[in-house]
Every structure is written in C-alpha cells, then in structure tokens.
Amino acid sequence: MILPRPPQRAHRVVVIGFGPVSARLVDELRPAVRDHRLQLLVVGAESAPAYNRVMIGELALGRVDQDLMIMADPQELAADGVRVRLGTRVIGIDRERRYVSLDDGTEHAYDLLVVATGAAARVPRLAGLRAPAAGIDPVLPDGVTVLRDLADAGRLAAMARTDRRLVVLGGGVLGMEVALAAADAGVPTSLVHSGRVPMERNLDPTAAAILARQLRRHQVSVISQATADGVRLRHGRFAGLTLSDGRRIDGAGLVLCCGAAPRTSLAEAAGLACDNGILVDHRLRSVTDAGIVAIGDCARIRCTGEDCDRCRAITGPSGLVGPGWAQASWLAGQLLAGLEPECDHPAAPDPVAPVMVVKAAGVSVVSAGVLDADPLDCLLADDDLRVSVWSDPEQGRYAKMITRGGRLEGVVCVGLPRTAAELTLLYERGAELPSDRSALLRHDGPDHAAGSDPFGPDTTVCRCNGVSAGQIAAAVADGNTTLSAVSRATRAGTGCGSCKDRICELLPDTAEVALA
C-alpha cells in the first residue's frame, strides 16, 4: 500500500507542478476529493492553469487558440475541493516533518508528496549566452528564446512579427516543427543543425534526405553540418548566429531547440537521490524517501536492485507526454485503491519505447525503434529478420518496416500519415504485421474515401489518450462537430497533436475544422 491510513482524516496529498502530467493525476483524483477521502493541494509556479506544452510553437505562430490548450479549470477544481495555488513556488521540502514551504511564507503538511516539476530547456554553451545549470530555467537576451511555456510563446510571436529571418538552432523534432510552422506562417526561416541531414538520429538516410527536401519545398533554409559558436548582439538584442567555421547567420530572432533537462534542484536540495531525474523505483517512489513520488519528465525509474532487467532498458525520462500520462493514471489508481483495505499495488508500467512524430502542416514523419537494418540483411541472415521498404522520393513518400518474427522492431514513415498511424499502433502493441506489407500502404492510396475509417470503431485514433474512432464518433453524435469540441469531450488531439488529421476525417464537415 502506498500510503498508511491516518486515523479519522483524509489523506493529504501535495502535488508540486501543474503541467499536463499533474493535470491528469488531479483529474483522476477528483472523485476522492469530492468524497472527502482525499485532501489535495496543487502548487503551480506559472500563473496559468495546466496547458498542453506540446502546442507552444503552434500557439506562438497563430495556428492554435490558447483555450484549446488549457487542460484544467481552477474554478471547477475548487468546486470539487481541490486547492490550487497558481503563481506560487515550493521553496523547500521538510522530509522529517513532512511539510512543504511556499514562497508566500506558508507551510503545508503532506502524507504523500508528488513531484511533477517537468523539465527545463537546455541552453547550449555559446559565446554571448549564459547557460544555466541543468534543469534551471534560463535568462536569455532579447530576441533569443527556448520553447517551453507561454512566456516563450509570447517571445516567439514577437519575433515572428518582424520581416527579418528567424534562426532555429537544432535539427530534432522540435526544431523541425518550429521551422516548418514559421515558414508556413510566412516568416523567412533558417534551420541550423550539426548533422548531415535533419533528424539524423531518428531516420535512415533515405527518409532524412526526403525530409530535407520537404524542408526546402517549404522555403526553409537548411544549414547542415554546422556547429554554433556564439550569438551576436546589437544593443543587447540578438542580431545573428556565428558558426565555428566563421559563417554568420543573420536574423531577428533565435529559437533554441536543443533538448531539455529534468528539473531536480528542489529534490536535490531536499536530499533526494537524482541522476538525470529524480530516482524512483518501479512504483514511482523516491529511492530515498517512500513518502515522495515523482512522475513525468522529472522522474527516472532506477530501482535499487542492481540486477533489475526492467531498469536496464530505461535510460531516463522519455520527454513524451504519453508515458507521463500513463504514470499519472497508474498513480491515481494506486492512491484510490490505497484508500481501501487489503489492496495489492503492482508496479507502474514501464515507459513505452519512444515514437518520434513531427507535427507540421503538409509534412508527416514518424520513426521508432532500431532502423539500421536494410533489405539485404534479411537475405543474408538466417534468423527471421525481415525488412520491407517502399520509396517514392519525388512525391515525398517513404516507408521502412523492420520486423522479427512478424513484429515491428523499427519503423520509419514519411509522407504517409495513415500508414504511419497504423504502423505506430502495431509497434506499440507488439502486434504482428500482415504477411503482405504493401496492404498497409493502401490507407494512403487514392481509393481511400474521405470520412471513412477502414480500421473500425475500436481502432485507437489518439495514442496519447487512448481514444478510439468509436469514441470520437459517439462524441460527434452528441453534437461535438468541430475539432475543438471533440477534443474537449474526449481529450483526443490534446496530447502530441499528431492525430488531428485523422480526427478531422471523422467529422461530418471537415470544412468546419478550419473555423474550430
């Protein structure tokens, strides 16, 4: 049982952080708060309630409304008895007394403390920039921003209103999405990255080359194999990026898309063991203090068992919202069960293998697993390895499926959104592929009828929230006929956002989506 049952009072749970992961936890604990079985305090450093950080870039460039990003209503939570403190920071954890201290001078007791502080953007060591310690929010000069919160979105929006070039540093998923969104919004954009092609670590050479071509078609200037050396400031404001070979990239704004680091400073100050995240066991409990759990990007599952096979496969936080939501749902279930006697508490689910998805208008890219095998390998190997490849570079389409025993070990898909959606589901479920791999390509073929769903009502459309086509159809039947309405009713599309196109296909009038 996670919590001891205190005599004649409700369990006191304090949650530090009010992002997407803690919002899911709070939402699932609301019934116990309403029934007075649980006292719940949520402390958020930002003045805004929980919102979907994945959509920050789209918000900055005017492609999504902020209301659609909001994931919690403080007034509704208060009506249920949940106490929410926005714009407030926890400045200390007294583990012996089981109290947290806030920056407004108050103290609050807890029976269980949930740390969900997320991650902070990494700032590279460049001349002209002051790189903070890992996991600390940076202080950057005018015209330079990371992309993690609403304030960052405001800074990017101001940059995008100028006529001068926007420079994006980093060729990963976030850098790709920002560059494509900015270019589509009419902002001249340069993408600077150190690899030979963008997303080099996540794609094979053919897929990466097709993606680079797509970038050029979207009017993104791609500067490859470039190492940033420093930033040039004019009157304290960004004026350009200097490369190690002496080249200068002029611009009115610089967006740093260089990864993120778990926020652990508060946990470290409290004496909790940390290593690329707060170290927790397979029940999400701190290995230092069982009265504290951590979830989401600030947590790293690494139990005390030296020979644990499960731990070997987990290198650190995934950086994806889906695994964090799975942890939040599991923890909520354990807390609710722990309020009843004689309940067993199994281990939390392991984080799923990451699936990399680029979310951009007109560009579909998905990759997962190991991609270094090629078709010749399956001809030369004696095992059950099989590699299937289909390529149409002129049309920007490519698919590669690596299977062993019929199950996907790796997949990369470019320009085939429906095929990518099906392959992603098969990959995450460990399901077998059809013997004729080409059958999967028909989902993106010319004979596919708009508004139809060949996978049936039980097919998962939104992976992040586990929403099926049937659930979306039921929401539409209840009068939710726009993307925003369906998202509010089902949560579909509020995670990574990559399923929005498929949701739109299930709406009665896709023309209405643009106005939603």
Protein backbone atom coordinates (compact mmCIF):
# COMPACT_ATOMS: atom_id res chain seq x y z
CA MET A 1 0.00 0.00 0.00
CA ILE A 2 1.47 3.39 -0.98
CA LEU A 3 0.09 5.33 1.98
CA PRO A 4 -0.56 4.42 5.60
CA ARG A 5 -4.14 5.15 6.61
CA PRO A 6 -4.06 8.12 9.02
CA PRO A 7 -6.69 7.91 11.75
CA GLN A 8 -10.00 9.71 11.12
CA ARG A 9 -8.91 12.16 8.47
CA ALA A 10 -8.44 12.27 4.72
CA HIS A 11 -5.07 11.56 3.13
CA ARG A 12 -3.16 14.76 2.45
CA VAL A 13 -1.56 14.80 -1.00
CA VAL A 14 0.51 17.75 -2.21
CA VAL A 15 1.44 17.98 -5.89
CA ILE A 16 4.36 20.19 -6.92
CA GLY A 17 3.92 21.36 -10.51
CA PHE A 18 0.80 21.91 -12.57
CA GLY A 19 1.67 20.76 -16.07
CA PRO A 20 -0.01 18.21 -18.36
CA VAL A 21 1.08 15.20 -16.28
CA SER A 22 -0.06 16.53 -12.90
CA ALA A 23 -3.30 17.78 -14.53
CA ARG A 24 -4.09 14.18 -15.50
CA LEU A 25 -3.33 12.98 -11.97
CA VAL A 26 -5.52 15.68 -10.40
CA ASP A 27 -8.39 15.00 -12.79
CA GLU A 28 -8.46 11.31 -11.87
CA LEU A 29 -8.26 12.02 -8.13
CA ARG A 30 -11.20 14.45 -8.13
CA PRO A 31 -13.82 11.80 -7.15
CA ALA A 32 -11.89 11.02 -3.94
CA VAL A 33 -11.60 14.73 -3.14
CA ARG A 34 -15.35 15.22 -3.65
CA ASP A 35 -15.99 12.31 -1.29
CA HIS A 36 -13.65 13.84 1.32
CA ARG A 37 -11.42 10.77 1.25
CA LEU A 38 -8.52 12.86 -0.04
CA GLN A 39 -7.19 16.36 0.61
CA LEU A 40 -5.40 17.65 -2.48
CA LEU A 41 -3.19 20.73 -2.86
CA VAL A 42 -1.63 21.58 -6.25
CA VAL A 43 1.14 24.18 -6.43
CA GLY A 44 1.97 25.64 -9.86
CA ALA A 45 4.76 28.13 -10.47
CA GLU A 46 3.05 29.60 -13.54
CA SER A 47 0.05 31.91 -13.22
CA ALA A 48 -1.85 29.95 -15.87
CA PRO A 49 -3.52 26.59 -15.15
CA ALA A 50 -2.17 23.42 -16.75
CA TYR A 51 -1.89 23.55 -20.54
CA ASN A 52 -0.52 21.39 -23.32
CA ARG A 53 3.11 22.43 -23.77
CA VAL A 54 3.42 20.42 -26.98
CA MET A 55 1.40 23.08 -28.76
CA ILE A 56 3.51 26.07 -27.64
CA GLY A 57 5.06 26.58 -31.08
CA GLU A 58 1.69 26.41 -32.81
CA LEU A 59 0.29 28.95 -30.33
CA ALA A 60 3.16 31.38 -30.94
CA LEU A 61 2.63 31.26 -34.70
CA GLY A 62 -1.13 31.66 -34.51
CA ARG A 63 -2.04 28.11 -35.54
CA VAL A 64 -3.92 27.14 -32.39
CA ASP A 65 -6.04 29.00 -29.86
CA GLN A 66 -4.81 29.06 -26.28
CA ASP A 67 -8.22 28.00 -24.97
CA LEU A 68 -7.79 24.65 -26.74
CA MET A 69 -4.52 24.09 -24.88
CA ILE A 70 -5.93 24.56 -21.37
CA MET A 71 -6.25 21.23 -19.56
CA ALA A 72 -7.76 22.24 -16.21
CA ASP A 73 -10.29 24.72 -14.87
CA PRO A 74 -9.27 26.02 -11.42
CA GLN A 75 -12.85 27.03 -10.60
CA GLU A 76 -14.15 23.54 -11.34
CA LEU A 77 -11.34 22.04 -9.28
CA ALA A 78 -12.12 24.39 -6.39
CA ALA A 79 -15.79 23.39 -6.56
CA ASP A 80 -14.68 19.78 -6.06
CA GLY A 81 -12.50 20.76 -3.10
CA VAL A 82 -9.11 20.74 -4.84
CA ARG A 83 -6.90 23.57 -3.64
CA VAL A 84 -4.87 25.12 -6.47
CA ARG A 85 -2.13 27.68 -5.86
CA LEU A 86 -1.04 29.31 -9.13
CA GLY A 87 1.93 31.64 -9.50
CA THR A 88 3.44 30.09 -6.38
CA ARG A 89 6.66 28.15 -5.89
CA VAL A 90 7.64 25.46 -3.42
CA ILE A 91 10.95 26.62 -1.96
CA GLY A 92 11.63 23.81 0.46
CA ILE A 93 10.71 20.25 1.46
CA ASP A 94 10.99 19.20 5.10
CA ARG A 95 11.04 15.42 4.79
CA GLU A 96 11.24 14.79 8.55
CA ARG A 97 8.17 16.89 9.39
CA ARG A 98 6.51 16.17 6.01
CA TYR A 99 5.88 19.80 5.18
CA VAL A 100 6.45 21.90 2.09
CA SER A 101 7.28 25.62 2.31
CA LEU A 102 5.93 28.03 -0.31
CA ASP A 103 7.39 31.36 -1.41
CA ASP A 104 4.43 33.18 0.14
CA GLY A 105 5.59 32.13 3.61
CA THR A 106 3.02 29.36 4.17
CA GLU A 107 3.67 25.73 5.05
CA HIS A 108 1.54 22.73 4.14
CA ALA A 109 1.63 19.21 5.56
CA TYR A 110 1.50 16.09 3.41
CA ASP A 111 1.12 12.35 3.79
CA LEU A 112 2.30 11.89 0.21
CA LEU A 113 4.26 14.40 -1.86
CA VAL A 114 4.05 14.14 -5.67
CA VAL A 115 6.84 15.89 -7.57
CA ALA A 116 5.86 16.73 -11.15
CA THR A 117 8.21 19.61 -11.92
CA GLY A 118 8.85 18.54 -15.51
CA ALA A 119 11.92 19.65 -17.44
CA ALA A 120 13.65 22.88 -18.42
CA ALA A 121 15.03 23.67 -21.86
CA ARG A 122 18.75 23.11 -22.40
CA VAL A 123 20.77 26.14 -23.43
CA PRO A 124 23.98 25.36 -25.32
CA ARG A 125 27.27 26.92 -24.27
CA LEU A 126 27.61 29.74 -26.78
CA ALA A 127 29.54 32.97 -26.57
CA GLY A 128 27.05 35.67 -25.67
CA LEU A 129 24.70 33.32 -23.78
CA ARG A 130 24.75 32.46 -20.11
CA ALA A 131 23.97 28.76 -19.88
CA PRO A 132 22.18 27.87 -16.61
CA ALA A 133 22.73 24.73 -14.58
CA ALA A 134 20.86 21.69 -15.91
CA GLY A 135 17.16 21.81 -15.13
CA ILE A 136 17.11 25.55 -14.35
CA ASP A 137 15.11 27.98 -16.48
CA PRO A 138 17.48 30.24 -18.45
CA VAL A 139 17.74 34.05 -18.58
CA LEU A 140 18.29 34.95 -22.24
CA PRO A 141 18.91 38.21 -24.11
CA ASP A 142 16.19 39.88 -26.15
CA GLY A 143 15.49 38.06 -29.39
CA VAL A 144 16.56 34.65 -28.03
CA THR A 145 14.13 32.11 -26.64
CA VAL A 146 13.62 28.49 -25.80
CA LEU A 147 10.16 26.96 -26.25
CA ARG A 148 8.72 25.51 -23.05
CA ASP A 149 6.00 27.83 -21.70
CA LEU A 150 3.53 30.58 -22.51
CA ALA A 151 6.09 33.32 -21.94
CA ASP A 152 8.34 31.66 -24.52
CA ALA A 153 5.41 31.55 -26.93
CA GLY A 154 4.96 35.30 -26.49
CA ARG A 155 8.63 35.92 -27.27
CA LEU A 156 8.48 33.77 -30.41
CA ALA A 157 5.30 35.51 -31.53
CA ALA A 158 7.07 38.89 -31.25
CA MET A 159 10.00 37.59 -33.31
CA ALA A 160 7.69 36.22 -35.98
CA ARG A 161 6.07 39.64 -36.47
CA THR A 162 9.29 41.08 -37.92
CA ASP A 163 10.29 40.88 -41.58
CA ARG A 164 13.75 39.57 -40.79
CA ARG A 165 14.86 35.98 -40.67
CA LEU A 166 14.16 33.63 -37.79
CA VAL A 167 17.00 31.26 -36.90
CA VAL A 168 16.18 27.86 -35.38
CA LEU A 169 19.09 26.02 -33.73
CA GLY A 170 18.57 22.26 -33.50
CA GLY A 171 17.54 19.68 -36.09
CA GLY A 172 15.47 17.42 -33.85
CA VAL A 173 11.71 17.06 -33.76
CA LEU A 174 11.03 20.40 -32.05
CA GLY A 175 13.41 22.31 -34.31
CA MET A 176 11.78 20.77 -37.37
CA GLU A 177 8.28 21.67 -36.20
CA VAL A 178 9.18 25.26 -35.33
CA ALA A 179 11.00 25.84 -38.62
CA LEU A 180 8.16 24.41 -40.70
CA ALA A 181 5.45 26.29 -38.78
CA ALA A 182 7.34 29.58 -39.04
CA ALA A 183 7.98 29.16 -42.76
CA ASP A 184 4.33 28.27 -43.38
CA ALA A 185 3.37 31.43 -41.49
CA GLY A 186 5.43 33.45 -43.98
CA VAL A 187 8.46 34.03 -41.74
CA PRO A 188 11.85 33.60 -43.51
CA THR A 189 13.46 30.78 -41.56
CA SER A 190 16.88 29.16 -41.32
CA LEU A 191 17.34 25.78 -39.62
CA VAL A 192 20.87 25.27 -38.29
CA HIS A 193 21.93 21.80 -37.13
CA SER A 194 25.08 19.76 -36.66
CA GLY A 195 24.05 16.65 -38.59
CA ARG A 196 24.36 15.87 -42.28
CA VAL A 197 20.57 15.84 -42.52
CA PRO A 198 17.83 16.82 -40.02
CA MET A 199 16.72 14.18 -37.51
CA GLU A 200 19.73 12.09 -38.42
CA ARG A 201 19.46 10.02 -35.24
CA ASN A 202 15.80 9.18 -35.79
CA LEU A 203 15.70 8.46 -39.52
CA ASP A 204 17.59 6.37 -42.03
CA PRO A 205 19.48 8.22 -44.82
CA THR A 206 16.69 7.96 -47.40
CA ALA A 207 13.98 9.22 -45.06
CA ALA A 208 16.21 12.03 -43.82
CA ALA A 209 17.01 13.13 -47.39
CA ILE A 210 13.32 13.19 -48.28
CA LEU A 211 12.62 15.23 -45.18
CA ALA A 212 15.38 17.71 -46.06
CA ARG A 213 13.79 18.10 -49.48
CA GLN A 214 10.41 18.74 -47.85
CA LEU A 215 12.00 21.49 -45.77
CA ARG A 216 13.37 23.19 -48.88
CA ARG A 217 9.97 22.93 -50.55
CA HIS A 218 8.52 24.74 -47.54
CA GLN A 219 11.08 27.52 -48.05
CA VAL A 220 13.19 26.62 -45.01
CA SER A 221 16.88 27.34 -45.50
CA VAL A 222 18.70 24.29 -44.12
CA ILE A 223 22.27 24.78 -42.89
CA SER A 224 23.71 21.33 -42.17
CA GLN A 225 26.91 20.11 -40.51
CA ALA A 226 27.13 23.44 -38.72
CA THR A 227 28.44 23.99 -35.21
CA ALA A 228 27.18 27.12 -33.48
CA ASP A 229 29.93 29.08 -31.76
CA GLY A 230 28.22 32.20 -30.42
CA VAL A 231 25.49 34.79 -30.77
CA ARG A 232 25.97 38.35 -31.98
CA LEU A 233 24.11 41.03 -30.06
CA ARG A 234 23.34 44.55 -31.18
CA HIS A 235 22.29 46.90 -28.37
CA GLY A 236 21.63 43.84 -26.22
CA ARG A 237 19.40 42.15 -28.78
CA PHE A 238 20.08 39.11 -30.98
CA ALA A 239 21.43 40.02 -34.41
CA GLY A 240 22.88 36.78 -35.69
CA LEU A 241 24.40 33.37 -35.03
CA THR A 242 28.13 32.75 -35.50
CA LEU A 243 29.30 29.31 -36.66
CA SER A 244 32.63 27.70 -35.82
CA ASP A 245 33.77 27.94 -39.46
CA GLY A 246 33.34 31.70 -39.40
CA ARG A 247 29.98 31.93 -41.16
CA ARG A 248 27.33 34.30 -39.82
CA ILE A 249 23.59 33.69 -39.97
CA ASP A 250 21.72 36.96 -39.62
CA GLY A 251 18.30 37.05 -38.05
CA ALA A 252 15.86 38.93 -35.86
CA GLY A 253 15.29 36.01 -33.51
CA LEU A 254 16.89 32.78 -32.36
CA VAL A 255 14.91 29.77 -31.14
CA LEU A 256 16.96 27.24 -29.17
CA CYS A 257 15.65 23.70 -29.73
CA CYS A 258 18.45 21.80 -28.02
CA GLY A 259 16.62 19.36 -25.76
CA ALA A 260 15.54 19.53 -22.13
CA ALA A 261 16.83 18.54 -18.68
CA PRO A 262 14.71 17.30 -15.75
CA ARG A 263 14.03 19.90 -13.06
CA THR A 264 15.56 18.35 -9.94
CA SER A 265 17.01 21.28 -7.97
CA LEU A 266 14.21 21.24 -5.36
CA ALA A 267 14.52 17.47 -4.95
CA GLU A 268 18.31 17.66 -4.67
CA ALA A 269 18.05 20.37 -2.01
CA ALA A 270 15.77 18.03 -0.04
CA GLY A 271 18.39 15.27 -0.21
CA LEU A 272 16.62 13.03 -2.73
CA ALA A 273 18.82 10.90 -4.98
CA CYS A 274 18.91 12.27 -8.55
CA ASP A 275 20.66 11.23 -11.75
CA ASN A 276 19.17 12.67 -14.94
CA GLY A 277 15.92 12.85 -12.98
CA ILE A 278 14.64 12.02 -9.52
CA LEU A 279 15.47 8.36 -8.98
CA VAL A 280 12.33 6.34 -8.32
CA ASP A 281 11.55 2.63 -8.08
CA HIS A 282 9.00 0.74 -10.16
CA ARG A 283 6.21 2.13 -8.00
CA LEU A 284 7.39 5.70 -8.69
CA ARG A 285 8.56 6.14 -5.08
CA SER A 286 11.78 8.04 -4.46
CA VAL A 287 14.54 5.55 -3.68
CA THR A 288 15.47 7.93 -0.84
CA ASP A 289 12.05 8.58 0.69
CA ALA A 290 8.98 6.37 0.13
CA GLY A 291 6.74 9.26 1.18
CA ILE A 292 7.65 11.09 -2.04
CA VAL A 293 6.84 10.02 -5.59
CA ALA A 294 7.86 11.61 -8.89
CA ILE A 295 6.13 11.42 -12.27
CA GLY A 296 6.71 12.74 -15.77
CA ASP A 297 9.86 14.33 -17.14
CA CYS A 298 11.43 14.92 -13.72
CA ALA A 299 11.37 11.21 -12.80
CA ARG A 300 13.82 8.48 -13.74
CA ILE A 301 12.92 4.89 -12.96
CA ARG A 302 16.02 3.27 -11.48
CA CYS A 303 15.28 0.91 -8.62
CA THR A 304 17.80 -0.23 -6.03
CA GLY A 305 18.07 -3.74 -7.47
CA GLU A 306 21.41 -3.95 -9.30
CA ASP A 307 20.29 -6.88 -11.45
CA CYS A 308 16.90 -5.50 -12.46
CA ASP A 309 16.28 -6.28 -16.14
CA ARG A 310 13.47 -3.72 -16.34
CA CYS A 311 15.77 -0.91 -15.23
CA ARG A 312 18.41 -1.70 -17.84
CA ALA A 313 16.01 -0.79 -20.65
CA ILE A 314 15.11 2.60 -19.13
CA THR A 315 17.75 5.27 -19.76
CA GLY A 316 15.88 8.29 -18.43
CA PRO A 317 12.71 10.34 -18.86
CA SER A 318 11.27 9.94 -22.36
CA GLY A 319 10.37 13.60 -22.86
CA LEU A 320 6.99 12.49 -24.22
CA VAL A 321 3.64 13.32 -22.68
CA GLY A 322 2.12 9.86 -23.22
CA PRO A 323 4.36 7.97 -20.74
CA GLY A 324 3.85 10.73 -18.18
CA TRP A 325 0.08 10.43 -18.51
CA ALA A 326 0.34 6.66 -18.11
CA GLN A 327 2.29 7.17 -14.87
CA ALA A 328 -0.27 9.70 -13.62
CA SER A 329 -3.18 7.36 -14.34
CA TRP A 330 -1.42 4.44 -12.67
CA LEU A 331 -0.55 6.51 -9.60
CA ALA A 332 -4.13 7.79 -9.31
CA GLY A 333 -5.38 4.22 -9.42
CA GLN A 334 -2.98 3.19 -6.67
CA LEU A 335 -3.93 6.13 -4.47
CA LEU A 336 -7.64 5.45 -4.88
CA ALA A 337 -7.11 1.75 -4.20
CA GLY A 338 -4.90 2.59 -1.22
CA LEU A 339 -7.85 4.26 0.44
CA GLU A 340 -9.45 0.83 0.70
CA PRO A 341 -8.12 -2.02 2.89
CA GLU A 342 -6.22 -5.04 1.58
CA CYS A 343 -5.43 -3.75 -1.90
CA ASP A 344 -2.48 -5.06 -3.90
CA HIS A 345 -0.28 -2.49 -5.63
CA PRO A 346 1.53 -3.77 -8.72
CA ALA A 347 4.48 -1.99 -10.29
CA ALA A 348 3.93 1.01 -12.55
CA PRO A 349 4.02 0.39 -16.31
CA ASP A 350 7.41 0.81 -17.93
CA PRO A 351 7.69 3.80 -20.28
CA VAL A 352 6.87 2.79 -23.83
CA ALA A 353 9.64 2.92 -26.40
CA PRO A 354 9.58 6.45 -27.78
CA VAL A 355 7.85 7.13 -31.08
CA MET A 356 9.11 10.31 -32.73
CA VAL A 357 6.41 12.27 -34.54
CA VAL A 358 6.83 15.51 -36.48
CA LYS A 359 3.68 17.62 -36.30
CA ALA A 360 3.60 20.08 -39.17
CA ALA A 361 1.13 21.05 -41.88
CA GLY A 362 1.79 19.06 -45.03
CA VAL A 363 4.64 17.02 -43.52
CA SER A 364 4.20 13.62 -41.89
CA VAL A 365 7.20 11.92 -40.27
CA VAL A 366 7.14 9.03 -37.78
CA SER A 367 10.03 6.89 -36.58
CA ALA A 368 10.51 4.34 -33.83
CA GLY A 369 12.86 1.56 -32.82
CA VAL A 370 16.10 0.41 -34.47
CA LEU A 371 16.43 1.45 -38.12
CA ASP A 372 19.93 0.32 -39.14
CA ALA A 373 18.87 -2.89 -40.92
CA ASP A 374 18.40 -2.89 -44.71
CA PRO A 375 16.72 -5.34 -47.14
CA LEU A 376 19.98 -7.15 -47.85
CA ASP A 377 20.32 -8.05 -44.17
CA CYS A 378 17.23 -10.24 -44.28
CA LEU A 379 18.58 -12.08 -47.34
CA LEU A 380 21.92 -12.78 -45.70
CA ALA A 381 20.70 -13.56 -42.18
CA ASP A 382 19.50 -16.98 -41.08
CA ASP A 383 17.05 -15.63 -38.49
CA ASP A 384 13.53 -14.32 -39.00
CA LEU A 385 14.57 -10.71 -39.69
CA ARG A 386 12.58 -9.07 -42.48
CA VAL A 387 12.99 -5.58 -43.93
CA SER A 388 10.37 -4.07 -46.23
CA VAL A 389 10.96 -0.74 -47.98
CA TRP A 390 8.73 1.34 -50.24
CA SER A 391 10.01 4.61 -51.66
CA ASP A 392 8.67 7.39 -53.89
CA PRO A 393 11.08 10.31 -53.29
CA GLU A 394 9.52 12.54 -55.95
CA GLN A 395 6.20 12.51 -54.08
CA GLY A 396 7.93 12.69 -50.71
CA ARG A 397 6.76 9.24 -49.60
CA TYR A 398 8.76 6.54 -47.91
CA ALA A 399 8.13 3.61 -45.57
CA LYS A 400 10.50 1.14 -43.94
CA MET A 401 9.35 -1.73 -41.73
CA ILE A 402 11.84 -3.89 -39.82
CA THR A 403 10.29 -6.97 -38.28
CA ARG A 404 11.48 -10.02 -36.41
CA GLY A 405 9.04 -12.86 -36.04
CA GLY A 406 6.45 -10.70 -37.78
CA ARG A 407 6.60 -7.98 -35.12
CA LEU A 408 7.94 -4.49 -35.68
CA GLU A 409 11.35 -3.70 -34.23
CA GLY A 410 11.70 -0.48 -36.17
CA VAL A 411 9.64 1.72 -38.45
CA VAL A 412 10.10 4.97 -40.32
CA CYS A 413 7.35 6.56 -42.38
CA VAL A 414 7.44 9.84 -44.33
CA GLY A 415 4.54 11.37 -46.25
CA LEU A 416 2.14 8.52 -45.41
CA PRO A 417 0.16 9.73 -42.38
CA ARG A 418 -2.48 6.99 -42.22
CA THR A 419 0.03 4.22 -42.81
CA ALA A 420 2.21 5.78 -40.12
CA ALA A 421 -0.70 5.82 -37.67
CA GLU A 422 -1.40 2.12 -38.21
CA LEU A 423 2.29 1.15 -38.01
CA THR A 424 2.66 3.13 -34.79
CA LEU A 425 -0.22 1.24 -33.18
CA LEU A 426 1.22 -2.10 -34.30
CA TYR A 427 4.64 -1.12 -32.97
CA GLU A 428 3.37 -0.07 -29.53
CA ARG A 429 1.15 -3.12 -29.18
CA GLY A 430 3.79 -5.58 -30.38
CA ALA A 431 1.22 -6.91 -32.87
CA GLU A 432 2.12 -8.86 -35.99
CA LEU A 433 2.13 -7.21 -39.39
CA PRO A 434 0.20 -8.71 -42.31
CA SER A 435 2.30 -11.03 -44.45
CA ASP A 436 1.71 -8.66 -47.38
CA ARG A 437 3.27 -5.45 -46.08
CA SER A 438 2.03 -3.48 -49.10
CA ALA A 439 -1.53 -3.80 -47.76
CA LEU A 440 -0.69 -1.15 -45.18
CA LEU A 441 0.11 1.37 -47.92
CA ARG A 442 -3.46 1.31 -49.19
CA HIS A 443 -4.52 3.51 -46.29
CA ASP A 444 -2.85 6.44 -48.05
CA GLY A 445 -3.90 5.36 -51.53
CA PRO A 446 -6.19 7.26 -53.92
CA ASP A 447 -9.06 4.84 -53.27
CA HIS A 448 -9.29 5.86 -49.58
CA ALA A 449 -12.63 7.59 -49.05
CA ALA A 450 -12.56 10.79 -47.01
CA GLY A 451 -14.51 10.47 -43.78
CA SER A 452 -14.18 6.69 -43.66
CA ASP A 453 -12.17 4.72 -41.16
CA PRO A 454 -11.01 1.40 -42.57
CA PHE A 455 -9.69 0.29 -39.17
CA GLY A 456 -13.10 0.14 -37.48
CA PRO A 457 -14.57 1.77 -34.35
CA ASP A 458 -12.17 0.01 -31.98
CA THR A 459 -9.07 1.43 -33.65
CA THR A 460 -7.14 3.90 -31.50
CA VAL A 461 -7.00 7.31 -33.15
CA CYS A 462 -5.38 9.29 -30.32
CA ARG A 463 -2.49 7.27 -28.90
CA CYS A 464 -1.68 9.74 -26.10
CA ASN A 465 -5.15 9.46 -24.56
CA GLY A 466 -6.26 6.07 -25.85
CA VAL A 467 -9.29 7.46 -27.71
CA SER A 468 -10.84 5.20 -30.35
CA ALA A 469 -12.62 6.04 -33.58
CA GLY A 470 -15.83 4.82 -31.98
CA GLN A 471 -15.48 7.22 -29.05
CA ILE A 472 -14.93 10.11 -31.44
CA ALA A 473 -17.97 9.07 -33.48
CA ALA A 474 -20.04 8.98 -30.29
CA ALA A 475 -18.85 12.48 -29.37
CA VAL A 476 -19.80 13.73 -32.84
CA ALA A 477 -23.24 12.13 -32.46
CA ASP A 478 -23.65 14.07 -29.19
CA GLY A 479 -23.24 17.33 -31.10
CA ASN A 480 -19.46 17.85 -30.92
CA THR A 481 -18.89 18.60 -34.60
CA THR A 482 -15.64 20.59 -34.52
CA LEU A 483 -12.09 19.59 -33.66
CA SER A 484 -12.05 21.71 -30.50
CA ALA A 485 -15.38 20.31 -29.34
CA VAL A 486 -14.30 16.70 -29.90
CA SER A 487 -11.04 17.42 -28.06
CA ARG A 488 -12.90 18.79 -25.04
CA ALA A 489 -15.30 15.86 -24.98
CA THR A 490 -12.79 13.03 -25.46
CA ARG A 491 -9.27 14.50 -24.87
CA ALA A 492 -8.38 13.32 -28.39
CA GLY A 493 -5.84 15.60 -30.03
CA THR A 494 -4.76 17.23 -26.76
CA GLY A 495 -1.54 15.22 -26.45
CA CYS A 496 1.13 15.36 -29.15
CA GLY A 497 -1.46 16.58 -31.67
CA SER A 498 -0.37 14.20 -34.43
CA CYS A 499 -3.85 12.64 -34.67
CA LYS A 500 -5.70 15.85 -35.58
CA ASP A 501 -5.88 15.00 -39.27
CA ARG A 502 -7.47 11.64 -38.50
CA ILE A 503 -9.94 13.24 -36.10
CA CYS A 504 -10.92 15.70 -38.82
CA GLU A 505 -11.61 12.83 -41.20
CA LEU A 506 -14.21 11.53 -38.76
CA LEU A 507 -16.05 14.86 -38.53
CA PRO A 508 -19.20 15.35 -40.60
CA ASP A 509 -17.91 18.53 -42.26
CA THR A 510 -14.14 18.88 -42.49
CA ALA A 511 -14.55 22.44 -43.81
CA GLU A 512 -15.78 23.40 -40.35
CA VAL A 513 -12.48 22.33 -38.80
CA ALA A 514 -10.62 25.37 -40.09
CA LEU A 515 -13.04 27.57 -38.15
CA ALA A 516 -12.96 25.50 -34.96
